[in-house]
Amino acid sequence: MDAYTSTRDSRRQTQQDSDATDVLGQLSMEIGAGLTKSQIVAAMALMRQGVNPSALVAITQELRREAQPAIQPQQPQSRYQYK
């Protein structure tokens, strides 16, 4: 394989990755998954490295459950304290 073919294949793969990320981002919005583009890219990279997709889903759900109390909107506090 020459350098031209390698570069062309690399560009094709990059375009396919970008297209897949866009489609998955749209799907995430449609189903309310709330994944950002960077999270989708990270998930794709992990799966390419052999991470089981079901395990990735389970870990993501667990992390969201653990983070939920931290991201809940807090009640506005009055500057007047009643005793």
PDB file of N, CA and C in Angstrom:
ATOM      1  N   MET A   1       0.857  -1.174   0.000  1.00  0.00           N
ATOM      2  CA  MET A   1       0.000   0.000   0.000  1.00  0.00           C
ATOM      3  C   MET A   1       0.903   1.237   0.000  1.00  0.00           C
ATOM      4  N   ASP A   2       0.645   2.132  -0.926  1.00  0.00           N
ATOM      5  CA  ASP A   2       1.461   3.340  -0.989  1.00  0.00           C
ATOM      6  C   ASP A   2       0.888   4.429  -0.089  1.00  0.00           C
ATOM      7  N   ALA A   3       1.620   5.519   0.055  1.00  0.00           N
ATOM      8  CA  ALA A   3       1.215   6.610   0.948  1.00  0.00           C
ATOM      9  C   ALA A   3      -0.097   7.236   0.496  1.00  0.00           C
ATOM     10  N   TYR A   4      -0.303   7.344  -0.821  1.00  0.00           N
ATOM     11  CA  TYR A   4      -1.534   7.939  -1.333  1.00  0.00           C
ATOM     12  C   TYR A   4      -2.749   7.110  -0.929  1.00  0.00           C
ATOM     13  N   THR A   5      -2.649   5.801  -1.105  1.00  0.00           N
ATOM     14  CA  THR A   5      -3.761   4.916  -0.751  1.00  0.00           C
ATOM     15  C   THR A   5      -4.032   4.968   0.739  1.00  0.00           C
ATOM     16  N   SER A   6      -2.973   4.977   1.523  1.00  0.00           N
ATOM     17  CA  SER A   6      -3.114   5.043   2.980  1.00  0.00           C
ATOM     18  C   SER A   6      -3.799   6.337   3.408  1.00  0.00           C
ATOM     19  N   THR A   7      -3.399   7.448   2.825  1.00  0.00           N
ATOM     20  CA  THR A   7      -4.004   8.747   3.150  1.00  0.00           C
ATOM     21  C   THR A   7      -5.464   8.779   2.728  1.00  0.00           C
ATOM     22  N   ARG A   8      -5.749   8.260   1.533  1.00  0.00           N
ATOM     23  CA  ARG A   8      -7.123   8.226   1.035  1.00  0.00           C
ATOM     24  C   ARG A   8      -8.009   7.371   1.942  1.00  0.00           C
ATOM     25  N   ASP A   9      -7.514   6.210   2.340  1.00  0.00           N
ATOM     26  CA  ASP A   9      -8.277   5.336   3.235  1.00  0.00           C
ATOM     27  C   ASP A   9      -8.499   5.996   4.591  1.00  0.00           C
ATOM     28  N   SER A  10      -7.492   6.690   5.069  1.00  0.00           N
ATOM     29  CA  SER A  10      -7.602   7.384   6.356  1.00  0.00           C
ATOM     30  C   SER A  10      -8.655   8.487   6.286  1.00  0.00           C
ATOM     31  N   ARG A  11      -8.657   9.229   5.192  1.00  0.00           N
ATOM     32  CA  ARG A  11      -9.662  10.290   5.025  1.00  0.00           C
ATOM     33  C   ARG A  11     -11.068   9.703   4.924  1.00  0.00           C
ATOM     34  N   ARG A  12     -11.196   8.586   4.215  1.00  0.00           N
ATOM     35  CA  ARG A  12     -12.493   7.929   4.083  1.00  0.00           C
ATOM     36  C   ARG A  12     -12.989   7.478   5.461  1.00  0.00           C
ATOM     37  N   GLN A  13     -12.100   6.882   6.265  1.00  0.00           N
ATOM     38  CA  GLN A  13     -12.476   6.429   7.599  1.00  0.00           C
ATOM     39  C   GLN A  13     -12.870   7.614   8.475  1.00  0.00           C
ATOM     40  N   THR A  14     -12.133   8.711   8.378  1.00  0.00           N
ATOM     41  CA  THR A  14     -12.451   9.910   9.151  1.00  0.00           C
ATOM     42  C   THR A  14     -13.825  10.443   8.777  1.00  0.00           C
ATOM     43  N   GLN A  15     -14.149  10.458   7.487  1.00  0.00           N
ATOM     44  CA  GLN A  15     -15.462  10.922   7.035  1.00  0.00           C
ATOM     45  C   GLN A  15     -16.559   9.990   7.524  1.00  0.00           C
ATOM     46  N   GLN A  16     -16.311   8.690   7.473  1.00  0.00           N
ATOM     47  CA  GLN A  16     -17.300   7.731   7.960  1.00  0.00           C
ATOM     48  C   GLN A  16     -17.519   7.897   9.462  1.00  0.00           C
ATOM     49  N   ASP A  17     -16.436   8.119  10.204  1.00  0.00           N
ATOM     50  CA  ASP A  17     -16.555   8.343  11.646  1.00  0.00           C
ATOM     51  C   ASP A  17     -17.365   9.600  11.932  1.00  0.00           C
ATOM     52  N   SER A  18     -17.105  10.653  11.176  1.00  0.00           N
ATOM     53  CA  SER A  18     -17.831  11.905  11.359  1.00  0.00           C
ATOM     54  C   SER A  18     -19.316  11.722  11.047  1.00  0.00           C
ATOM     55  N   ASP A  19     -19.601  11.011   9.966  1.00  0.00           N
ATOM     56  CA  ASP A  19     -20.994  10.744   9.603  1.00  0.00           C
ATOM     57  C   ASP A  19     -21.694   9.928  10.688  1.00  0.00           C
ATOM     58  N   ALA A  20     -21.012   8.900  11.182  1.00  0.00           N
ATOM     59  CA  ALA A  20     -21.596   8.057  12.233  1.00  0.00           C
ATOM     60  C   ALA A  20     -21.840   8.868  13.497  1.00  0.00           C
ATOM     61  N   THR A  21     -20.902   9.730  13.842  1.00  0.00           N
ATOM     62  CA  THR A  21     -21.055  10.567  15.033  1.00  0.00           C
ATOM     63  C   THR A  21     -22.249  11.496  14.883  1.00  0.00           C
ATOM     64  N   ASP A  22     -22.414  12.077  13.707  1.00  0.00           N
ATOM     65  CA  ASP A  22     -23.558  12.963  13.465  1.00  0.00           C
ATOM     66  C   ASP A  22     -24.878  12.207  13.591  1.00  0.00           C
ATOM     67  N   VAL A  23     -24.940  11.021  12.996  1.00  0.00           N
ATOM     68  CA  VAL A  23     -26.166  10.217  13.061  1.00  0.00           C
ATOM     69  C   VAL A  23     -26.458   9.814  14.503  1.00  0.00           C
ATOM     70  N   LEU A  24     -25.436   9.358  15.215  1.00  0.00           N
ATOM     71  CA  LEU A  24     -25.635   8.954  16.608  1.00  0.00           C
ATOM     72  C   LEU A  24     -25.998  10.145  17.493  1.00  0.00           C
ATOM     73  N   GLY A  25     -25.453  11.314  17.194  1.00  0.00           N
ATOM     74  CA  GLY A  25     -25.824  12.518  17.941  1.00  0.00           C
ATOM     75  C   GLY A  25     -27.289  12.864  17.741  1.00  0.00           C
ATOM     76  N   GLN A  26     -27.751  12.761  16.510  1.00  0.00           N
ATOM     77  CA  GLN A  26     -29.163  13.017  16.209  1.00  0.00           C
ATOM     78  C   GLN A  26     -30.045  11.986  16.900  1.00  0.00           C
ATOM     79  N   LEU A  27     -29.641  10.727  16.842  1.00  0.00           N
ATOM     80  CA  LEU A  27     -30.389   9.663  17.502  1.00  0.00           C
ATOM     81  C   LEU A  27     -30.441   9.898  19.012  1.00  0.00           C
ATOM     82  N   SER A  28     -29.326  10.309  19.579  1.00  0.00           N
ATOM     83  CA  SER A  28     -29.274  10.593  21.015  1.00  0.00           C
ATOM     84  C   SER A  28     -30.272  11.684  21.393  1.00  0.00           C
ATOM     85  N   MET A  29     -30.363  12.713  20.554  1.00  0.00           N
ATOM     86  CA  MET A  29     -31.323  13.789  20.817  1.00  0.00           C
ATOM     87  C   MET A  29     -32.753  13.281  20.687  1.00  0.00           C
ATOM     88  N   GLU A  30     -33.014  12.488  19.657  1.00  0.00           N
ATOM     89  CA  GLU A  30     -34.368  11.991  19.398  1.00  0.00           C
ATOM     90  C   GLU A  30     -34.892  11.112  20.528  1.00  0.00           C
ATOM     91  N   ILE A  31     -34.025  10.275  21.086  1.00  0.00           N
ATOM     92  CA  ILE A  31     -34.476   9.360  22.136  1.00  0.00           C
ATOM     93  C   ILE A  31     -34.234   9.907  23.535  1.00  0.00           C
ATOM     94  N   GLY A  32     -33.667  11.098  23.611  1.00  0.00           N
ATOM     95  CA  GLY A  32     -33.458  11.725  24.913  1.00  0.00           C
ATOM     96  C   GLY A  32     -32.320  11.124  25.720  1.00  0.00           C
ATOM     97  N   ALA A  33     -31.325  10.545  25.044  1.00  0.00           N
ATOM     98  CA  ALA A  33     -30.199   9.933  25.753  1.00  0.00           C
ATOM     99  C   ALA A  33     -29.288  10.980  26.376  1.00  0.00           C
ATOM    100  N   GLY A  34     -29.251  12.160  25.785  1.00  0.00           N
ATOM    101  CA  GLY A  34     -28.463  13.242  26.352  1.00  0.00           C
ATOM    102  C   GLY A  34     -26.964  13.093  26.188  1.00  0.00           C
ATOM    103  N   LEU A  35     -26.520  12.333  25.194  1.00  0.00           N
ATOM    104  CA  LEU A  35     -25.087  12.181  24.968  1.00  0.00           C
ATOM    105  C   LEU A  35     -24.573  13.319  24.101  1.00  0.00           C
ATOM    106  N   THR A  36     -23.445  13.867  24.495  1.00  0.00           N
ATOM    107  CA  THR A  36     -22.814  14.905  23.687  1.00  0.00           C
ATOM    108  C   THR A  36     -21.999  14.246  22.582  1.00  0.00           C
ATOM    109  N   LYS A  37     -21.589  15.053  21.623  1.00  0.00           N
ATOM    110  CA  LYS A  37     -20.781  14.525  20.528  1.00  0.00           C
ATOM    111  C   LYS A  37     -19.473  13.947  21.063  1.00  0.00           C
ATOM    112  N   SER A  38     -18.866  14.609  22.024  1.00  0.00           N
ATOM    113  CA  SER A  38     -17.602  14.099  22.569  1.00  0.00           C
ATOM    114  C   SER A  38     -17.815  12.786  23.327  1.00  0.00           C
ATOM    115  N   GLN A  39     -18.959  12.631  23.973  1.00  0.00           N
ATOM    116  CA  GLN A  39     -19.255  11.370  24.659  1.00  0.00           C
ATOM    117  C   GLN A  39     -19.467  10.242  23.652  1.00  0.00           C
ATOM    118  N   ILE A  40     -20.103  10.556  22.546  1.00  0.00           N
ATOM    119  CA  ILE A  40     -20.312   9.554  21.495  1.00  0.00           C
ATOM    120  C   ILE A  40     -18.975   9.135  20.898  1.00  0.00           C
ATOM    121  N   VAL A  41     -18.108  10.105  20.636  1.00  0.00           N
ATOM    122  CA  VAL A  41     -16.779   9.801  20.094  1.00  0.00           C
ATOM    123  C   VAL A  41     -16.004   8.916  21.070  1.00  0.00           C
ATOM    124  N   ALA A  42     -16.073   9.231  22.357  1.00  0.00           N
ATOM    125  CA  ALA A  42     -15.377   8.427  23.367  1.00  0.00           C
ATOM    126  C   ALA A  42     -15.932   7.007  23.408  1.00  0.00           C
ATOM    127  N   ALA A  43     -17.251   6.870  23.340  1.00  0.00           N
ATOM    128  CA  ALA A  43     -17.867   5.542  23.352  1.00  0.00           C
ATOM    129  C   ALA A  43     -17.447   4.734  22.124  1.00  0.00           C
ATOM    130  N   MET A  44     -17.417   5.376  20.971  1.00  0.00           N
ATOM    131  CA  MET A  44     -16.995   4.690  19.750  1.00  0.00           C
ATOM    132  C   MET A  44     -15.548   4.220  19.875  1.00  0.00           C
ATOM    133  N   ALA A  45     -14.693   5.066  20.434  1.00  0.00           N
ATOM    134  CA  ALA A  45     -13.281   4.700  20.603  1.00  0.00           C
ATOM    135  C   ALA A  45     -13.140   3.516  21.559  1.00  0.00           C
ATOM    136  N   LEU A  46     -13.904   3.534  22.639  1.00  0.00           N
ATOM    137  CA  LEU A  46     -13.848   2.424  23.596  1.00  0.00           C
ATOM    138  C   LEU A  46     -14.308   1.116  22.953  1.00  0.00           C
ATOM    139  N   MET A  47     -15.370   1.185  22.161  1.00  0.00           N
ATOM    140  CA  MET A  47     -15.861  -0.032  21.511  1.00  0.00           C
ATOM    141  C   MET A  47     -14.866  -0.548  20.475  1.00  0.00           C
ATOM    142  N   ARG A  48     -14.161   0.356  19.792  1.00  0.00           N
ATOM    143  CA  ARG A  48     -13.120  -0.075  18.848  1.00  0.00           C
ATOM    144  C   ARG A  48     -11.983  -0.798  19.569  1.00  0.00           C
ATOM    145  N   GLN A  49     -11.781  -0.433  20.829  1.00  0.00           N
ATOM    146  CA  GLN A  49     -10.733  -1.077  21.627  1.00  0.00           C
ATOM    147  C   GLN A  49     -11.210  -2.387  22.248  1.00  0.00           C
ATOM    148  N   GLY A  50     -12.464  -2.750  21.999  1.00  0.00           N
ATOM    149  CA  GLY A  50     -12.966  -4.031  22.451  1.00  0.00           C
ATOM    150  C   GLY A  50     -13.885  -3.988  23.654  1.00  0.00           C
ATOM    151  N   VAL A  51     -14.231  -2.787  24.132  1.00  0.00           N
ATOM    152  CA  VAL A  51     -15.152  -2.694  25.264  1.00  0.00           C
ATOM    153  C   VAL A  51     -16.529  -3.183  24.825  1.00  0.00           C
ATOM    154  N   ASN A  52     -17.124  -4.022  25.628  1.00  0.00           N
ATOM    155  CA  ASN A  52     -18.448  -4.565  25.342  1.00  0.00           C
ATOM    156  C   ASN A  52     -19.477  -3.432  25.391  1.00  0.00           C
ATOM    157  N   PRO A  53     -20.277  -3.247  24.330  1.00  0.00           N
ATOM    158  CA  PRO A  53     -21.268  -2.164  24.319  1.00  0.00           C
ATOM    159  C   PRO A  53     -22.261  -2.229  25.480  1.00  0.00           C
ATOM    160  N   SER A  54     -22.683  -3.434  25.851  1.00  0.00           N
ATOM    161  CA  SER A  54     -23.621  -3.567  26.977  1.00  0.00           C
ATOM    162  C   SER A  54     -22.979  -3.122  28.280  1.00  0.00           C
ATOM    163  N   ALA A  55     -21.708  -3.447  28.452  1.00  0.00           N
ATOM    164  CA  ALA A  55     -20.987  -3.013  29.652  1.00  0.00           C
ATOM    165  C   ALA A  55     -20.842  -1.495  29.657  1.00  0.00           C
ATOM    166  N   LEU A  56     -20.602  -0.918  28.495  1.00  0.00           N
ATOM    167  CA  LEU A  56     -20.476   0.538  28.389  1.00  0.00           C
ATOM    168  C   LEU A  56     -21.790   1.219  28.763  1.00  0.00           C
ATOM    169  N   VAL A  57     -22.905   0.667  28.318  1.00  0.00           N
ATOM    170  CA  VAL A  57     -24.223   1.203  28.679  1.00  0.00           C
ATOM    171  C   VAL A  57     -24.431   1.115  30.184  1.00  0.00           C
ATOM    172  N   ALA A  58     -24.118  -0.034  30.767  1.00  0.00           N
ATOM    173  CA  ALA A  58     -24.312  -0.224  32.209  1.00  0.00           C
ATOM    174  C   ALA A  58     -23.467   0.756  33.017  1.00  0.00           C
ATOM    175  N   ILE A  59     -22.228   0.951  32.612  1.00  0.00           N
ATOM    176  CA  ILE A  59     -21.348   1.888  33.320  1.00  0.00           C
ATOM    177  C   ILE A  59     -21.866   3.309  33.182  1.00  0.00           C
ATOM    178  N   THR A  60     -22.292   3.679  31.974  1.00  0.00           N
ATOM    179  CA  THR A  60     -22.822   5.025  31.750  1.00  0.00           C
ATOM    180  C   THR A  60     -24.050   5.278  32.612  1.00  0.00           C
ATOM    181  N   GLN A  61     -24.948   4.303  32.678  1.00  0.00           N
ATOM    182  CA  GLN A  61     -26.152   4.458  33.501  1.00  0.00           C
ATOM    183  C   GLN A  61     -25.795   4.593  34.974  1.00  0.00           C
ATOM    184  N   GLU A  62     -24.847   3.801  35.440  1.00  0.00           N
ATOM    185  CA  GLU A  62     -24.440   3.869  36.848  1.00  0.00           C
ATOM    186  C   GLU A  62     -23.800   5.219  37.170  1.00  0.00           C
ATOM    187  N   LEU A  63     -22.949   5.704  36.290  1.00  0.00           N
ATOM    188  CA  LEU A  63     -22.322   7.011  36.514  1.00  0.00           C
ATOM    189  C   LEU A  63     -23.366   8.124  36.542  1.00  0.00           C
ATOM    190  N   ARG A  64     -24.358   8.025  35.683  1.00  0.00           N
ATOM    191  CA  ARG A  64     -25.418   9.041  35.691  1.00  0.00           C
ATOM    192  C   ARG A  64     -26.232   8.991  36.978  1.00  0.00           C
ATOM    193  N   ARG A  65     -26.520   7.774  37.463  1.00  0.00           N
ATOM    194  CA  ARG A  65     -27.254   7.652  38.733  1.00  0.00           C
ATOM    195  C   ARG A  65     -26.456   8.267  39.874  1.00  0.00           C
ATOM    196  N   GLU A  66     -25.160   7.994  39.900  1.00  0.00           N
ATOM    197  CA  GLU A  66     -24.318   8.538  40.962  1.00  0.00           C
ATOM    198  C   GLU A  66     -24.196  10.055  40.865  1.00  0.00           C
ATOM    199  N   ALA A  67     -24.183  10.577  39.653  1.00  0.00           N
ATOM    200  CA  ALA A  67     -24.023  12.017  39.462  1.00  0.00           C
ATOM    201  C   ALA A  67     -25.325  12.773  39.634  1.00  0.00           C
ATOM    202  N   GLN A  68     -26.449  12.104  39.562  1.00  0.00           N
ATOM    203  CA  GLN A  68     -27.756  12.763  39.588  1.00  0.00           C
ATOM    204  C   GLN A  68     -27.925  13.720  40.760  1.00  0.00           C
ATOM    205  N   PRO A  69     -27.644  13.325  42.005  1.00  0.00           N
ATOM    206  CA  PRO A  69     -27.820  14.282  43.104  1.00  0.00           C
ATOM    207  C   PRO A  69     -26.936  15.522  42.952  1.00  0.00           C
ATOM    208  N   ALA A  70     -25.783  15.354  42.352  1.00  0.00           N
ATOM    209  CA  ALA A  70     -24.862  16.480  42.193  1.00  0.00           C
ATOM    210  C   ALA A  70     -25.341  17.474  41.146  1.00  0.00           C
ATOM    211  N   ILE A  71     -26.148  17.020  40.194  1.00  0.00           N
ATOM    212  CA  ILE A  71     -26.585  17.926  39.133  1.00  0.00           C
ATOM    213  C   ILE A  71     -28.034  18.363  39.282  1.00  0.00           C
ATOM    214  N   GLN A  72     -28.693  17.941  40.348  1.00  0.00           N
ATOM    215  CA  GLN A  72     -30.057  18.384  40.608  1.00  0.00           C
ATOM    216  C   GLN A  72     -30.040  19.884  40.897  1.00  0.00           C
ATOM    217  N   PRO A  73     -30.973  20.629  40.336  1.00  0.00           N
ATOM    218  CA  PRO A  73     -31.017  22.051  40.660  1.00  0.00           C
ATOM    219  C   PRO A  73     -31.359  22.239  42.133  1.00  0.00           C
ATOM    220  N   GLN A  74     -30.637  23.119  42.754  1.00  0.00           N
ATOM    221  CA  GLN A  74     -30.890  23.384  44.162  1.00  0.00           C
ATOM    222  C   GLN A  74     -31.972  24.444  44.293  1.00  0.00           C
ATOM    223  N   GLN A  75     -32.697  24.348  45.397  1.00  0.00           N
ATOM    224  CA  GLN A  75     -33.731  25.328  45.679  1.00  0.00           C
ATOM    225  C   GLN A  75     -33.066  26.669  45.968  1.00  0.00           C
ATOM    226  N   PRO A  76     -33.608  27.738  45.417  1.00  0.00           N
ATOM    227  CA  PRO A  76     -33.027  29.042  45.727  1.00  0.00           C
ATOM    228  C   PRO A  76     -33.149  29.317  47.221  1.00  0.00           C
ATOM    229  N   GLN A  77     -32.086  29.817  47.773  1.00  0.00           N
ATOM    230  CA  GLN A  77     -32.101  30.101  49.198  1.00  0.00           C
ATOM    231  C   GLN A  77     -32.400  31.573  49.419  1.00  0.00           C
ATOM    232  N   SER A  78     -33.247  31.797  50.382  1.00  0.00           N
ATOM    233  CA  SER A  78     -33.586  33.164  50.741  1.00  0.00           C
ATOM    234  C   SER A  78     -32.434  33.769  51.519  1.00  0.00           C
ATOM    235  N   ARG A  79     -32.254  35.055  51.361  1.00  0.00           N
ATOM    236  CA  ARG A  79     -31.201  35.689  52.150  1.00  0.00           C
ATOM    237  C   ARG A  79     -31.683  35.950  53.567  1.00  0.00           C
ATOM    238  N   TYR A  80     -32.978  35.700  53.791  1.00  0.00           N
ATOM    239  CA  TYR A  80     -33.526  35.861  55.134  1.00  0.00           C
ATOM    240  C   TYR A  80     -33.649  34.488  55.768  1.00  0.00           C
ATOM    241  N   GLN A  81     -33.060  34.318  56.898  1.00  0.00           N
ATOM    242  CA  GLN A  81     -33.115  33.045  57.603  1.00  0.00           C
ATOM    243  C   GLN A  81     -34.158  33.148  58.702  1.00  0.00           C
ATOM    244  N   TYR A  82     -35.130  32.259  58.644  1.00  0.00           N
ATOM    245  CA  TYR A  82     -36.176  32.247  59.661  1.00  0.00           C
ATOM    246  C   TYR A  82     -35.802  31.237  60.726  1.00  0.00           C
ATOM    247  N   LYS A  83     -35.949  31.659  61.976  1.00  0.00           N
ATOM    248  CA  LYS A  83     -35.618  30.757  63.086  1.00  0.00           C
ATOM    249  C   LYS A  83     -36.802  30.574  63.958  1.00  0.00           C
TER     250      LYS A  83
END
